[in-house]
Amino acid sequence: MPRYFFHLIHPTSAAARDNVGLVFGDDATAKREGMRSVAEMMKEASSSELIPFRVSVQIVREDVGIIDLLTGHLSASAQP
């Protein structure tokens, strides 16, 4: 089974590279994990009032390279 790395990319700081990775059976499972991670970061940002907030997760499969880039964004206009 392939190993996947999830690198965090934030526009105001250096990328946080995942040097350990996780093993999944397929790309779809790794992408779901990436989406879950982005959703959790967005939830944390909205509850701590870090608005505007933008973060991306680059999913890299060790034997292929980049398979996806997921981005979450919260803007001040989205707040009630």
C-alpha atoms as a PDB file:
ATOM      1  CA  MET A   1       0.000   0.000   0.000  1.00  0.00           C
ATOM      2  CA  PRO A   2       1.312   3.466  -0.827  1.00  0.00           C
ATOM      3  CA  ARG A   3       2.393   6.091   1.704  1.00  0.00           C
ATOM      4  CA  TYR A   4       0.841   9.557   1.478  1.00  0.00           C
ATOM      5  CA  PHE A   5       2.248  12.813   2.796  1.00  0.00           C
ATOM      6  CA  PHE A   6       0.070  15.785   3.771  1.00  0.00           C
ATOM      7  CA  HIS A   7       1.969  19.074   3.496  1.00  0.00           C
ATOM      8  CA  LEU A   8       0.275  22.127   5.043  1.00  0.00           C
ATOM      9  CA  ILE A   9       0.528  25.338   3.074  1.00  0.00           C
ATOM     10  CA  HIS A  10      -0.438  28.601   4.765  1.00  0.00           C
ATOM     11  CA  PRO A  11      -0.057  31.902   2.887  1.00  0.00           C
ATOM     12  CA  THR A  12       1.641  33.741   5.756  1.00  0.00           C
ATOM     13  CA  SER A  13       4.118  31.101   6.915  1.00  0.00           C
ATOM     14  CA  ALA A  14       6.471  28.459   5.574  1.00  0.00           C
ATOM     15  CA  ALA A  15       4.970  25.173   4.453  1.00  0.00           C
ATOM     16  CA  ALA A  16       4.833  22.462   7.099  1.00  0.00           C
ATOM     17  CA  ARG A  17       6.124  19.334   5.402  1.00  0.00           C
ATOM     18  CA  ASP A  18       4.894  15.933   6.509  1.00  0.00           C
ATOM     19  CA  ASN A  19       8.001  13.748   6.690  1.00  0.00           C
ATOM     20  CA  VAL A  20       6.251  10.699   8.153  1.00  0.00           C
ATOM     21  CA  GLY A  21       3.107  10.226   6.081  1.00  0.00           C
ATOM     22  CA  LEU A  22       0.306   7.702   6.397  1.00  0.00           C
ATOM     23  CA  VAL A  23      -0.403   4.479   4.547  1.00  0.00           C
ATOM     24  CA  PHE A  24      -3.755   4.126   2.763  1.00  0.00           C
ATOM     25  CA  GLY A  25      -5.125   1.564   0.354  1.00  0.00           C
ATOM     26  CA  ASP A  26      -5.928   4.059  -2.396  1.00  0.00           C
ATOM     27  CA  ASP A  27      -5.919   7.710  -3.469  1.00  0.00           C
ATOM     28  CA  ALA A  28      -9.611   8.190  -2.655  1.00  0.00           C
ATOM     29  CA  THR A  29      -9.046   7.258   0.998  1.00  0.00           C
ATOM     30  CA  ALA A  30      -6.073   9.623   1.235  1.00  0.00           C
ATOM     31  CA  LYS A  31      -8.142  12.442  -0.305  1.00  0.00           C
ATOM     32  CA  ARG A  32     -10.932  11.855   2.239  1.00  0.00           C
ATOM     33  CA  GLU A  33      -8.357  12.117   5.029  1.00  0.00           C
ATOM     34  CA  GLY A  34      -7.072  15.359   3.515  1.00  0.00           C
ATOM     35  CA  MET A  35     -10.613  16.771   3.335  1.00  0.00           C
ATOM     36  CA  ARG A  36     -11.207  15.773   6.951  1.00  0.00           C
ATOM     37  CA  SER A  37      -8.004  17.595   7.951  1.00  0.00           C
ATOM     38  CA  VAL A  38      -8.943  20.777   6.077  1.00  0.00           C
ATOM     39  CA  ALA A  39     -12.449  20.706   7.594  1.00  0.00           C
ATOM     40  CA  GLU A  40     -11.005  20.357  11.100  1.00  0.00           C
ATOM     41  CA  MET A  41      -8.610  23.280  10.567  1.00  0.00           C
ATOM     42  CA  MET A  42     -11.469  25.412   9.243  1.00  0.00           C
ATOM     43  CA  LYS A  43     -13.589  24.534  12.277  1.00  0.00           C
ATOM     44  CA  GLU A  44     -10.767  25.471  14.643  1.00  0.00           C
ATOM     45  CA  ALA A  45     -10.096  28.735  12.798  1.00  0.00           C
ATOM     46  CA  SER A  46     -13.748  29.788  12.871  1.00  0.00           C
ATOM     47  CA  SER A  47     -14.102  29.053  16.587  1.00  0.00           C
ATOM     48  CA  SER A  48     -10.949  31.010  17.439  1.00  0.00           C
ATOM     49  CA  GLU A  49     -11.918  33.965  15.243  1.00  0.00           C
ATOM     50  CA  LEU A  50      -8.893  33.655  12.958  1.00  0.00           C
ATOM     51  CA  ILE A  51     -10.758  35.372  10.136  1.00  0.00           C
ATOM     52  CA  PRO A  52      -9.835  35.656   7.311  1.00  0.00           C
ATOM     53  CA  PHE A  53      -8.208  32.230   7.200  1.00  0.00           C
ATOM     54  CA  ARG A  54      -6.841  30.181   4.326  1.00  0.00           C
ATOM     55  CA  VAL A  55      -4.969  26.895   4.360  1.00  0.00           C
ATOM     56  CA  SER A  56      -4.131  24.228   1.796  1.00  0.00           C
ATOM     57  CA  VAL A  57      -3.171  20.589   2.128  1.00  0.00           C
ATOM     58  CA  GLN A  58      -1.015  19.155  -0.622  1.00  0.00           C
ATOM     59  CA  ILE A  59      -1.432  15.379  -0.838  1.00  0.00           C
ATOM     60  CA  VAL A  60       1.636  13.582  -2.165  1.00  0.00           C
ATOM     61  CA  ARG A  61       1.796   9.867  -2.914  1.00  0.00           C
ATOM     62  CA  GLU A  62       5.373   8.667  -2.450  1.00  0.00           C
ATOM     63  CA  ASP A  63       5.537   6.679  -5.684  1.00  0.00           C
ATOM     64  CA  VAL A  64       3.667   9.158  -7.925  1.00  0.00           C
ATOM     65  CA  GLY A  65       3.977  12.690  -6.566  1.00  0.00           C
ATOM     66  CA  ILE A  66       1.257  15.277  -5.995  1.00  0.00           C
ATOM     67  CA  ILE A  67      -2.228  13.823  -6.384  1.00  0.00           C
ATOM     68  CA  ASP A  68      -4.327  16.701  -5.037  1.00  0.00           C
ATOM     69  CA  LEU A  69      -4.324  20.150  -3.471  1.00  0.00           C
ATOM     70  CA  LEU A  70      -7.205  20.901  -1.118  1.00  0.00           C
ATOM     71  CA  THR A  71      -7.861  24.471   0.032  1.00  0.00           C
ATOM     72  CA  GLY A  72     -10.109  25.891   2.721  1.00  0.00           C
ATOM     73  CA  HIS A  73     -10.906  29.576   3.033  1.00  0.00           C
ATOM     74  CA  LEU A  74     -12.911  31.618   5.538  1.00  0.00           C
ATOM     75  CA  SER A  75     -13.597  35.259   4.800  1.00  0.00           C
ATOM     76  CA  ALA A  76     -14.866  38.023   7.047  1.00  0.00           C
ATOM     77  CA  SER A  77     -17.922  38.410   4.802  1.00  0.00           C
ATOM     78  CA  ALA A  78     -18.953  34.826   5.599  1.00  0.00           C
ATOM     79  CA  GLN A  79     -19.424  35.680   9.272  1.00  0.00           C
ATOM     80  CA  PRO A  80     -22.950  36.379  10.624  1.00  0.00           C
END
